[in-house]
Amino acid sequence: MPKSQPPLVLVVDDFDGNRKLMEQVLNREGYRTLTAKDGVEALEQVARARPDIVLLDVNMPRLDGHGVLKALRAQRETELLPVILVTAQTESADKVRGLDAGATDFLTKPWEAGELLARVRAQLRVKFLTDELERSEEVLFMLAKVVEARDAYTMEHTDRVARYALAIGAALKLAEDQLNALRKGAMLH
């Protein structure tokens, strides 16, 4: 994974032993780690440190894993953050609930180090590719701005088109993801 420093993994579990064991396994493989003992602390750590991936226990005090997922998925900055639920729950309904809440993968307790590391690597590969796509999108938007800036007549044209498109989309009561797609399409028209 091309990056200037190793990926940062947030380990969230209310049991000290679980946190320390995961931290040791991850550190031994060269990952940087930070920990949180509950969901509230996890959200604080995400806001402060911007980890690359989160390993999240489900049953915790103050705010459980599903609540953390809901909060992460509600914010643009963290909606695509990989989150692996680490849980002793093995029922299909529990997994469905976690996936519906926004989990990107599951790891069942008791876990094995090899499986933990393989799941982390897989989710980080997906994150790296998603980050590359977002950077490519930003470059395309900048190129559109450069092209329109060459002519005073077209200056800020893409912004105007995007604003008009969003106003129409809002009047049509489009969902947030549809408005986001509309904005991107308007910028690249």
N, C-alpha and C. Protein backbone atom coordinates (compact mmCIF):
# COMPACT_ATOMS: atom_id res chain seq x y z
N MET A 1 0.85 -1.17 0.00
CA MET A 1 0.00 0.00 0.00
C MET A 1 0.90 1.23 0.00
N PRO A 2 0.93 1.99 -1.10
CA PRO A 2 1.80 3.15 -1.13
C PRO A 2 1.31 4.23 -0.19
N LYS A 3 2.08 4.49 0.82
CA LYS A 3 1.75 5.52 1.79
C LYS A 3 3.03 5.88 2.52
N SER A 4 3.13 7.12 2.94
CA SER A 4 4.37 7.56 3.57
C SER A 4 4.59 6.90 4.93
N GLN A 5 3.53 6.55 5.59
CA GLN A 5 3.67 5.87 6.88
C GLN A 5 2.65 4.73 6.93
N PRO A 6 2.89 3.77 7.81
CA PRO A 6 1.98 2.62 7.88
C PRO A 6 0.55 3.06 8.22
N PRO A 7 -0.44 2.29 7.78
CA PRO A 7 -1.83 2.62 8.09
C PRO A 7 -2.08 2.67 9.59
N LEU A 8 -3.03 3.53 9.97
CA LEU A 8 -3.41 3.69 11.36
C LEU A 8 -4.70 2.93 11.62
N VAL A 9 -4.65 2.02 12.60
CA VAL A 9 -5.79 1.18 12.94
C VAL A 9 -6.32 1.58 14.31
N LEU A 10 -7.61 1.88 14.38
CA LEU A 10 -8.26 2.15 15.66
C LEU A 10 -8.90 0.86 16.16
N VAL A 11 -8.50 0.42 17.35
CA VAL A 11 -9.04 -0.79 17.97
C VAL A 11 -9.99 -0.35 19.09
N VAL A 12 -11.26 -0.76 18.99
CA VAL A 12 -12.27 -0.34 19.95
C VAL A 12 -12.86 -1.57 20.63
N ASP A 13 -12.66 -1.67 21.94
CA ASP A 13 -13.20 -2.79 22.71
C ASP A 13 -13.22 -2.38 24.17
N ASP A 14 -14.28 -2.75 24.87
CA ASP A 14 -14.37 -2.37 26.28
C ASP A 14 -13.53 -3.28 27.18
N PHE A 15 -13.01 -4.37 26.65
CA PHE A 15 -12.20 -5.28 27.44
C PHE A 15 -10.72 -5.02 27.15
N ASP A 16 -9.97 -4.64 28.18
CA ASP A 16 -8.55 -4.28 28.03
C ASP A 16 -7.74 -5.37 27.34
N GLY A 17 -7.97 -6.62 27.74
CA GLY A 17 -7.20 -7.73 27.17
C GLY A 17 -7.38 -7.85 25.67
N ASN A 18 -8.61 -7.68 25.18
CA ASN A 18 -8.86 -7.75 23.74
C ASN A 18 -8.14 -6.62 23.00
N ARG A 19 -8.22 -5.42 23.55
CA ARG A 19 -7.56 -4.28 22.91
C ARG A 19 -6.05 -4.50 22.83
N LYS A 20 -5.47 -4.91 23.94
CA LYS A 20 -4.02 -5.08 23.99
C LYS A 20 -3.55 -6.18 23.05
N LEU A 21 -4.29 -7.29 22.99
CA LEU A 21 -3.91 -8.39 22.11
C LEU A 21 -3.97 -7.96 20.64
N MET A 22 -5.05 -7.30 20.24
CA MET A 22 -5.15 -6.83 18.86
C MET A 22 -4.04 -5.83 18.54
N GLU A 23 -3.79 -4.95 19.49
CA GLU A 23 -2.74 -3.94 19.30
C GLU A 23 -1.38 -4.62 19.08
N GLN A 24 -1.08 -5.64 19.87
CA GLN A 24 0.19 -6.35 19.72
C GLN A 24 0.32 -7.01 18.35
N VAL A 25 -0.75 -7.69 17.93
CA VAL A 25 -0.73 -8.38 16.63
C VAL A 25 -0.52 -7.37 15.50
N LEU A 26 -1.25 -6.27 15.56
CA LEU A 26 -1.16 -5.25 14.52
C LEU A 26 0.19 -4.54 14.52
N ASN A 27 0.69 -4.20 15.69
CA ASN A 27 2.00 -3.53 15.79
C ASN A 27 3.12 -4.43 15.28
N ARG A 28 3.02 -5.71 15.58
CA ARG A 28 4.03 -6.66 15.12
C ARG A 28 4.09 -6.71 13.59
N GLU A 29 2.96 -6.44 12.93
CA GLU A 29 2.91 -6.43 11.47
C GLU A 29 3.24 -5.06 10.88
N GLY A 30 3.57 -4.09 11.74
CA GLY A 30 3.98 -2.78 11.26
C GLY A 30 2.89 -1.73 11.19
N TYR A 31 1.69 -2.06 11.64
CA TYR A 31 0.62 -1.07 11.65
C TYR A 31 0.78 -0.15 12.85
N ARG A 32 0.35 1.10 12.69
CA ARG A 32 0.25 2.01 13.82
C ARG A 32 -1.14 1.78 14.43
N THR A 33 -1.25 1.88 15.73
CA THR A 33 -2.53 1.63 16.38
C THR A 33 -2.85 2.72 17.40
N LEU A 34 -4.13 2.87 17.62
CA LEU A 34 -4.63 3.61 18.76
C LEU A 34 -5.87 2.88 19.23
N THR A 35 -6.27 3.13 20.47
CA THR A 35 -7.35 2.35 21.05
C THR A 35 -8.41 3.25 21.67
N ALA A 36 -9.58 2.63 21.84
CA ALA A 36 -10.68 3.28 22.54
C ALA A 36 -11.42 2.19 23.31
N LYS A 37 -11.97 2.57 24.47
CA LYS A 37 -12.63 1.57 25.32
C LYS A 37 -14.14 1.54 25.17
N ASP A 38 -14.70 2.48 24.41
CA ASP A 38 -16.15 2.46 24.16
C ASP A 38 -16.45 3.29 22.92
N GLY A 39 -17.71 3.32 22.54
CA GLY A 39 -18.11 4.00 21.31
C GLY A 39 -17.92 5.50 21.34
N VAL A 40 -18.16 6.12 22.46
CA VAL A 40 -17.99 7.57 22.56
C VAL A 40 -16.53 7.94 22.35
N GLU A 41 -15.64 7.21 23.02
CA GLU A 41 -14.21 7.45 22.86
C GLU A 41 -13.77 7.14 21.43
N ALA A 42 -14.37 6.14 20.82
CA ALA A 42 -14.04 5.78 19.44
C ALA A 42 -14.34 6.94 18.49
N LEU A 43 -15.51 7.55 18.63
CA LEU A 43 -15.86 8.69 17.77
C LEU A 43 -14.92 9.86 17.99
N GLU A 44 -14.51 10.07 19.22
CA GLU A 44 -13.54 11.14 19.51
C GLU A 44 -12.21 10.85 18.83
N GLN A 45 -11.76 9.60 18.89
CA GLN A 45 -10.49 9.20 18.27
C GLN A 45 -10.56 9.35 16.75
N VAL A 46 -11.68 8.96 16.16
CA VAL A 46 -11.84 9.07 14.71
C VAL A 46 -11.75 10.54 14.30
N ALA A 47 -12.43 11.41 15.02
CA ALA A 47 -12.42 12.84 14.70
C ALA A 47 -11.02 13.43 14.86
N ARG A 48 -10.30 12.99 15.87
CA ARG A 48 -8.99 13.55 16.18
C ARG A 48 -7.89 12.97 15.28
N ALA A 49 -7.86 11.66 15.11
CA ALA A 49 -6.70 11.01 14.48
C ALA A 49 -6.93 10.56 13.04
N ARG A 50 -8.17 10.49 12.59
CA ARG A 50 -8.50 10.04 11.23
C ARG A 50 -7.83 8.70 10.89
N PRO A 51 -8.22 7.63 11.57
CA PRO A 51 -7.61 6.32 11.28
C PRO A 51 -7.98 5.84 9.87
N ASP A 52 -7.20 4.88 9.38
CA ASP A 52 -7.46 4.31 8.06
C ASP A 52 -8.49 3.19 8.12
N ILE A 53 -8.65 2.60 9.29
CA ILE A 53 -9.58 1.49 9.47
C ILE A 53 -9.93 1.39 10.96
N VAL A 54 -11.11 0.85 11.25
CA VAL A 54 -11.55 0.69 12.63
C VAL A 54 -11.93 -0.77 12.87
N LEU A 55 -11.41 -1.34 13.95
CA LEU A 55 -11.83 -2.66 14.43
C LEU A 55 -12.74 -2.38 15.62
N LEU A 56 -14.01 -2.73 15.50
CA LEU A 56 -15.02 -2.24 16.42
C LEU A 56 -15.81 -3.37 17.08
N ASP A 57 -15.72 -3.42 18.40
CA ASP A 57 -16.54 -4.35 19.18
C ASP A 57 -17.99 -3.91 19.07
N VAL A 58 -18.92 -4.83 19.21
CA VAL A 58 -20.34 -4.48 19.11
C VAL A 58 -20.91 -4.12 20.47
N ASN A 59 -20.75 -4.98 21.46
CA ASN A 59 -21.34 -4.76 22.79
C ASN A 59 -20.38 -3.98 23.68
N MET A 60 -20.71 -2.70 23.88
CA MET A 60 -19.87 -1.84 24.72
C MET A 60 -20.77 -0.89 25.50
N PRO A 61 -20.24 -0.36 26.60
CA PRO A 61 -21.02 0.62 27.36
C PRO A 61 -21.06 1.98 26.64
N ARG A 62 -21.93 2.84 27.11
CA ARG A 62 -22.16 4.20 26.61
C ARG A 62 -22.69 4.24 25.18
N LEU A 63 -21.97 3.71 24.22
CA LEU A 63 -22.42 3.69 22.83
C LEU A 63 -21.91 2.41 22.21
N ASP A 64 -22.83 1.56 21.73
CA ASP A 64 -22.42 0.27 21.16
C ASP A 64 -21.89 0.44 19.74
N GLY A 65 -21.41 -0.66 19.17
CA GLY A 65 -20.84 -0.63 17.83
C GLY A 65 -21.80 -0.17 16.76
N HIS A 66 -23.06 -0.56 16.86
CA HIS A 66 -24.05 -0.12 15.87
C HIS A 66 -24.26 1.39 15.93
N GLY A 67 -24.25 1.95 17.12
CA GLY A 67 -24.38 3.40 17.27
C GLY A 67 -23.18 4.13 16.68
N VAL A 68 -21.99 3.56 16.87
CA VAL A 68 -20.79 4.15 16.29
C VAL A 68 -20.89 4.13 14.77
N LEU A 69 -21.28 2.98 14.22
CA LEU A 69 -21.43 2.87 12.77
C LEU A 69 -22.41 3.89 12.23
N LYS A 70 -23.54 4.02 12.90
CA LYS A 70 -24.55 4.98 12.45
C LYS A 70 -23.97 6.40 12.42
N ALA A 71 -23.23 6.76 13.45
CA ALA A 71 -22.62 8.10 13.51
C ALA A 71 -21.56 8.28 12.42
N LEU A 72 -20.75 7.25 12.17
CA LEU A 72 -19.72 7.35 11.15
C LEU A 72 -20.32 7.47 9.75
N ARG A 73 -21.35 6.70 9.49
CA ARG A 73 -21.95 6.70 8.15
C ARG A 73 -22.75 7.97 7.87
N ALA A 74 -23.09 8.70 8.91
CA ALA A 74 -23.87 9.94 8.74
C ALA A 74 -22.99 11.14 8.37
N GLN A 75 -21.67 10.97 8.44
CA GLN A 75 -20.75 12.08 8.15
C GLN A 75 -20.01 11.82 6.85
N ARG A 76 -19.94 12.83 6.02
CA ARG A 76 -19.26 12.72 4.72
C ARG A 76 -17.81 12.26 4.88
N GLU A 77 -17.12 12.76 5.90
CA GLU A 77 -15.70 12.45 6.08
C GLU A 77 -15.45 10.99 6.45
N THR A 78 -16.45 10.33 7.03
CA THR A 78 -16.22 8.96 7.52
C THR A 78 -17.18 7.94 6.91
N GLU A 79 -17.99 8.35 5.95
CA GLU A 79 -18.98 7.42 5.41
C GLU A 79 -18.37 6.22 4.71
N LEU A 80 -17.14 6.35 4.23
CA LEU A 80 -16.48 5.23 3.55
C LEU A 80 -15.35 4.60 4.37
N LEU A 81 -15.19 5.05 5.60
CA LEU A 81 -14.14 4.49 6.46
C LEU A 81 -14.40 3.00 6.69
N PRO A 82 -13.42 2.14 6.39
CA PRO A 82 -13.61 0.71 6.63
C PRO A 82 -13.77 0.41 8.12
N VAL A 83 -14.82 -0.35 8.45
CA VAL A 83 -15.08 -0.73 9.83
C VAL A 83 -15.35 -2.23 9.87
N ILE A 84 -14.50 -2.94 10.59
CA ILE A 84 -14.68 -4.37 10.79
C ILE A 84 -15.30 -4.57 12.17
N LEU A 85 -16.49 -5.16 12.20
CA LEU A 85 -17.10 -5.48 13.49
C LEU A 85 -16.45 -6.73 14.05
N VAL A 86 -16.01 -6.65 15.28
CA VAL A 86 -15.40 -7.78 15.98
C VAL A 86 -16.38 -8.18 17.06
N THR A 87 -16.96 -9.38 16.93
CA THR A 87 -18.05 -9.73 17.81
C THR A 87 -18.12 -11.23 18.08
N ALA A 88 -18.70 -11.55 19.20
CA ALA A 88 -18.96 -12.95 19.53
C ALA A 88 -20.33 -13.37 19.00
N GLN A 89 -21.09 -12.41 18.50
CA GLN A 89 -22.42 -12.71 17.95
C GLN A 89 -22.25 -13.44 16.62
N THR A 90 -22.90 -14.59 16.51
CA THR A 90 -22.72 -15.40 15.30
C THR A 90 -24.02 -15.62 14.53
N GLU A 91 -25.12 -15.12 15.05
CA GLU A 91 -26.40 -15.29 14.37
C GLU A 91 -26.43 -14.47 13.09
N SER A 92 -27.10 -15.00 12.08
CA SER A 92 -27.23 -14.31 10.81
C SER A 92 -27.89 -12.94 10.98
N ALA A 93 -28.89 -12.85 11.84
CA ALA A 93 -29.59 -11.58 12.06
C ALA A 93 -28.64 -10.52 12.62
N ASP A 94 -27.68 -10.93 13.46
CA ASP A 94 -26.70 -9.99 14.01
C ASP A 94 -25.80 -9.44 12.90
N LYS A 95 -25.39 -10.32 11.99
CA LYS A 95 -24.55 -9.90 10.88
C LYS A 95 -25.32 -8.97 9.94
N VAL A 96 -26.56 -9.31 9.67
CA VAL A 96 -27.39 -8.46 8.81
C VAL A 96 -27.54 -7.08 9.44
N ARG A 97 -27.79 -7.03 10.72
CA ARG A 97 -27.92 -5.74 11.41
C ARG A 97 -26.64 -4.93 11.30
N GLY A 98 -25.50 -5.58 11.45
CA GLY A 98 -24.22 -4.90 11.33
C GLY A 98 -23.96 -4.39 9.92
N LEU A 99 -24.28 -5.21 8.93
CA LEU A 99 -24.11 -4.77 7.54
C LEU A 99 -25.05 -3.62 7.21
N ASP A 100 -26.28 -3.71 7.69
CA ASP A 100 -27.24 -2.62 7.47
C ASP A 100 -26.76 -1.33 8.13
N ALA A 101 -26.07 -1.45 9.24
CA ALA A 101 -25.55 -0.27 9.94
C ALA A 101 -24.33 0.32 9.24
N GLY A 102 -23.70 -0.46 8.35
CA GLY A 102 -22.57 0.06 7.60
C GLY A 102 -21.24 -0.65 7.79
N ALA A 103 -21.24 -1.80 8.46
CA ALA A 103 -19.99 -2.55 8.62
C ALA A 103 -19.48 -3.00 7.25
N THR A 104 -18.17 -3.00 7.08
CA THR A 104 -17.59 -3.47 5.82
C THR A 104 -17.13 -4.92 5.91
N ASP A 105 -17.02 -5.45 7.13
CA ASP A 105 -16.61 -6.84 7.31
C ASP A 105 -16.88 -7.25 8.75
N PHE A 106 -16.73 -8.55 9.02
CA PHE A 106 -16.92 -9.12 10.35
C PHE A 106 -15.74 -9.99 10.72
N LEU A 107 -15.47 -10.01 12.01
CA LEU A 107 -14.48 -10.93 12.57
C LEU A 107 -15.11 -11.49 13.83
N THR A 108 -15.20 -12.81 13.89
CA THR A 108 -15.86 -13.45 15.01
C THR A 108 -14.86 -13.78 16.11
N LYS A 109 -15.26 -13.46 17.35
CA LYS A 109 -14.46 -13.81 18.52
C LYS A 109 -14.74 -15.26 18.88
N PRO A 110 -13.77 -16.00 19.33
CA PRO A 110 -12.36 -15.66 19.38
C PRO A 110 -11.76 -15.68 17.97
N TRP A 111 -10.94 -14.71 17.67
CA TRP A 111 -10.37 -14.57 16.34
C TRP A 111 -8.94 -15.12 16.30
N GLU A 112 -8.47 -15.37 15.09
CA GLU A 112 -7.09 -15.83 14.90
C GLU A 112 -6.31 -14.69 14.26
N ALA A 113 -5.06 -14.55 14.62
CA ALA A 113 -4.23 -13.45 14.14
C ALA A 113 -4.16 -13.40 12.61
N GLY A 114 -4.01 -14.56 11.99
CA GLY A 114 -3.91 -14.59 10.51
C GLY A 114 -5.17 -14.05 9.84
N GLU A 115 -6.33 -14.44 10.36
CA GLU A 115 -7.58 -13.95 9.79
C GLU A 115 -7.75 -12.46 10.05
N LEU A 116 -7.41 -12.00 11.24
CA LEU A 116 -7.50 -10.58 11.55
C LEU A 116 -6.65 -9.78 10.57
N LEU A 117 -5.42 -10.18 10.37
CA LEU A 117 -4.52 -9.45 9.48
C LEU A 117 -4.99 -9.50 8.03
N ALA A 118 -5.50 -10.64 7.59
CA ALA A 118 -6.00 -10.76 6.22
C ALA A 118 -7.19 -9.85 5.99
N ARG A 119 -8.10 -9.77 6.95
CA ARG A 119 -9.27 -8.89 6.81
C ARG A 119 -8.86 -7.41 6.81
N VAL A 120 -7.90 -7.07 7.66
CA VAL A 120 -7.42 -5.69 7.70
C VAL A 120 -6.76 -5.34 6.36
N ARG A 121 -5.90 -6.22 5.85
CA ARG A 121 -5.24 -5.96 4.56
C ARG A 121 -6.27 -5.79 3.45
N ALA A 122 -7.27 -6.65 3.42
CA ALA A 122 -8.30 -6.59 2.36
C ALA A 122 -9.06 -5.26 2.41
N GLN A 123 -9.44 -4.84 3.61
CA GLN A 123 -10.19 -3.59 3.73
C GLN A 123 -9.31 -2.38 3.41
N LEU A 124 -8.04 -2.45 3.75
CA LEU A 124 -7.14 -1.34 3.43
C LEU A 124 -6.88 -1.25 1.93
N ARG A 125 -6.87 -2.38 1.21
CA ARG A 125 -6.74 -2.35 -0.25
C ARG A 125 -7.92 -1.61 -0.86
N VAL A 126 -9.12 -1.94 -0.40
CA VAL A 126 -10.32 -1.27 -0.90
C VAL A 126 -10.27 0.22 -0.58
N LYS A 127 -9.84 0.56 0.63
CA LYS A 127 -9.75 1.98 1.02
C LYS A 127 -8.75 2.72 0.13
N PHE A 128 -7.61 2.10 -0.14
CA PHE A 128 -6.60 2.73 -0.98
C PHE A 128 -7.18 3.03 -2.37
N LEU A 129 -7.88 2.07 -2.95
CA LEU A 129 -8.47 2.26 -4.28
C LEU A 129 -9.56 3.34 -4.26
N THR A 130 -10.37 3.36 -3.21
CA THR A 130 -11.40 4.39 -3.07
C THR A 130 -10.77 5.77 -2.95
N ASP A 131 -9.71 5.87 -2.17
CA ASP A 131 -8.99 7.14 -2.02
C ASP A 131 -8.43 7.60 -3.36
N GLU A 132 -7.89 6.66 -4.15
CA GLU A 132 -7.35 7.00 -5.46
C GLU A 132 -8.46 7.53 -6.38
N LEU A 133 -9.64 6.92 -6.34
CA LEU A 133 -10.76 7.41 -7.14
C LEU A 133 -11.17 8.81 -6.74
N GLU A 134 -11.22 9.07 -5.44
CA GLU A 134 -11.58 10.41 -4.97
C GLU A 134 -10.55 11.44 -5.41
N ARG A 135 -9.27 11.08 -5.36
CA ARG A 135 -8.23 12.01 -5.81
C ARG A 135 -8.37 12.26 -7.31
N SER A 136 -8.69 11.24 -8.08
CA SER A 136 -8.88 11.40 -9.53
C SER A 136 -10.05 12.33 -9.81
N GLU A 137 -11.11 12.19 -9.05
CA GLU A 137 -12.28 13.06 -9.21
C GLU A 137 -11.90 14.51 -8.94
N GLU A 138 -11.11 14.74 -7.91
CA GLU A 138 -10.67 16.10 -7.58
C GLU A 138 -9.84 16.69 -8.72
N VAL A 139 -8.98 15.87 -9.33
CA VAL A 139 -8.17 16.34 -10.45
C VAL A 139 -9.08 16.72 -11.62
N LEU A 140 -10.08 15.91 -11.90
CA LEU A 140 -11.01 16.23 -12.99
C LEU A 140 -11.73 17.56 -12.74
N PHE A 141 -12.15 17.79 -11.51
CA PHE A 141 -12.82 19.05 -11.18
C PHE A 141 -11.87 20.23 -11.37
N MET A 142 -10.61 20.05 -10.96
CA MET A 142 -9.64 21.14 -11.14
C MET A 142 -9.39 21.42 -12.62
N LEU A 143 -9.31 20.36 -13.43
CA LEU A 143 -9.11 20.55 -14.86
C LEU A 143 -10.29 21.30 -15.48
N ALA A 144 -11.50 20.98 -15.06
CA ALA A 144 -12.67 21.68 -15.57
C ALA A 144 -12.58 23.17 -15.23
N LYS A 145 -12.12 23.48 -14.03
CA LYS A 145 -11.97 24.88 -13.61
C LYS A 145 -10.90 25.59 -14.45
N VAL A 146 -9.80 24.89 -14.73
CA VAL A 146 -8.73 25.48 -15.52
C VAL A 146 -9.23 25.78 -16.93
N VAL A 147 -9.95 24.85 -17.53
CA VAL A 147 -10.47 25.06 -18.88
C VAL A 147 -11.41 26.25 -18.92
N GLU A 148 -12.32 26.34 -17.98
CA GLU A 148 -13.27 27.46 -18.00
C GLU A 148 -12.62 28.78 -17.66
N ALA A 149 -11.53 28.78 -16.91
CA ALA A 149 -10.86 30.02 -16.52
C ALA A 149 -10.11 30.66 -17.70
N ARG A 150 -9.92 29.92 -18.76
CA ARG A 150 -9.20 30.44 -19.93
C ARG A 150 -10.04 31.44 -20.71
N ASP A 151 -11.33 31.46 -20.45
CA ASP A 151 -12.23 32.35 -21.19
C ASP A 151 -13.13 33.06 -20.19
N ALA A 152 -13.14 34.38 -20.22
CA ALA A 152 -13.96 35.15 -19.27
C ALA A 152 -15.44 34.81 -19.41
N TYR A 153 -15.87 34.44 -20.59
CA TYR A 153 -17.27 34.12 -20.83
C TYR A 153 -17.69 32.85 -20.08
N THR A 154 -16.79 31.89 -19.99
CA THR A 154 -17.13 30.61 -19.34
C THR A 154 -16.70 30.55 -17.88
N MET A 155 -16.06 31.61 -17.37
CA MET A 155 -15.58 31.58 -15.99
C MET A 155 -16.72 31.27 -15.02
N GLU A 156 -16.50 30.32 -14.13
CA GLU A 156 -17.45 29.87 -13.11
C GLU A 156 -18.71 29.23 -13.68
N HIS A 157 -18.65 28.86 -14.96
CA HIS A 157 -19.80 28.21 -15.59
C HIS A 157 -20.17 26.90 -14.89
N THR A 158 -19.16 26.07 -14.58
CA THR A 158 -19.47 24.78 -13.95
C THR A 158 -20.11 24.98 -12.58
N ASP A 159 -19.65 25.99 -11.85
CA ASP A 159 -20.27 26.27 -10.54
C ASP A 159 -21.73 26.67 -10.69
N ARG A 160 -22.00 27.52 -11.69
CA ARG A 160 -23.40 27.95 -11.91
C ARG A 160 -24.27 26.77 -12.30
N VAL A 161 -23.78 25.94 -13.21
CA VAL A 161 -24.55 24.76 -13.64
C VAL A 161 -24.81 23.85 -12.44
N ALA A 162 -23.79 23.66 -11.61
CA ALA A 162 -23.94 22.80 -10.43
C ALA A 162 -24.97 23.39 -9.47
N ARG A 163 -24.93 24.70 -9.24
CA ARG A 163 -25.90 25.33 -8.34
C ARG A 163 -27.32 25.19 -8.87
N TYR A 164 -27.50 25.43 -10.18
CA TYR A 164 -28.84 25.29 -10.77
C TYR A 164 -29.33 23.84 -10.69
N ALA A 165 -28.44 22.92 -10.98
CA ALA A 165 -28.81 21.50 -10.94
C ALA A 165 -29.20 21.09 -9.52
N LEU A 166 -28.45 21.55 -8.53
CA LEU A 166 -28.77 21.22 -7.14
C LEU A 166 -30.09 21.85 -6.71
N ALA A 167 -30.36 23.05 -7.17
CA ALA A 167 -31.63 23.70 -6.84
C ALA A 167 -32.80 22.91 -7.42
N ILE A 168 -32.64 22.45 -8.64
CA ILE A 168 -33.69 21.63 -9.26
C ILE A 168 -33.82 20.30 -8.51
N GLY A 169 -32.67 19.69 -8.19
CA GLY A 169 -32.69 18.43 -7.45
C GLY A 169 -33.35 18.57 -6.09
N ALA A 170 -33.07 19.67 -5.40
CA ALA A 170 -33.69 19.91 -4.09
C ALA A 170 -35.19 20.11 -4.24
N ALA A 171 -35.61 20.83 -5.29
CA ALA A 171 -37.04 21.04 -5.53
C ALA A 171 -37.74 19.71 -5.82
N LEU A 172 -37.01 18.79 -6.43
CA LEU A 172 -37.56 17.46 -6.71
C LEU A 172 -37.45 16.52 -5.50
N LYS A 173 -36.87 17.04 -4.41
CA LYS A 173 -36.69 16.28 -3.17
C LYS A 173 -35.85 15.00 -3.37
N LEU A 174 -34.76 15.16 -4.13
CA LEU A 174 -33.85 14.04 -4.34
C LEU A 174 -33.11 13.73 -3.05
N ALA A 175 -32.73 12.48 -2.90
CA ALA A 175 -31.96 12.04 -1.72
C ALA A 175 -30.55 12.63 -1.78
N GLU A 176 -29.88 12.67 -0.63
CA GLU A 176 -28.55 13.26 -0.52
C GLU A 176 -27.56 12.63 -1.50
N ASP A 177 -27.57 11.31 -1.63
CA ASP A 177 -26.63 10.67 -2.56
C ASP A 177 -26.94 11.03 -4.00
N GLN A 178 -28.21 11.22 -4.33
CA GLN A 178 -28.59 11.63 -5.68
C GLN A 178 -28.16 13.07 -5.94
N LEU A 179 -28.29 13.93 -4.94
CA LEU A 179 -27.84 15.31 -5.09
C LEU A 179 -26.33 15.37 -5.28
N ASN A 180 -25.60 14.53 -4.58
CA ASN A 180 -24.15 14.49 -4.72
C ASN A 180 -23.77 14.04 -6.13
N ALA A 181 -24.43 13.02 -6.65
CA ALA A 181 -24.16 12.56 -8.01
C ALA A 181 -24.53 13.64 -9.03
N LEU A 182 -25.63 14.35 -8.79
CA LEU A 182 -26.07 15.43 -9.67
C LEU A 182 -25.02 16.56 -9.70
N ARG A 183 -24.50 16.90 -8.54
CA ARG A 183 -23.47 17.94 -8.46
C ARG A 183 -22.22 17.54 -9.25
N LYS A 184 -21.81 16.29 -9.08
CA LYS A 184 -20.62 15.81 -9.80
C LYS A 184 -20.85 15.82 -11.31
N GLY A 185 -22.01 15.36 -11.72
CA GLY A 185 -22.33 15.36 -13.15
C GLY A 185 -22.36 16.76 -13.72
N ALA A 186 -22.92 17.68 -12.98
CA ALA A 186 -22.99 19.07 -13.43
C ALA A 186 -21.60 19.67 -13.55
N MET A 187 -20.73 19.36 -12.60
CA MET A 187 -19.37 19.89 -12.64
C MET A 187 -18.59 19.36 -13.86
N LEU A 188 -18.89 18.15 -14.27
CA LEU A 188 -18.15 17.53 -15.37
C LEU A 188 -18.88 17.58 -16.71
N HIS A 189 -20.02 18.25 -16.75
CA HIS A 189 -20.82 18.24 -17.99
C HIS A 189 -20.01 18.72 -19.18
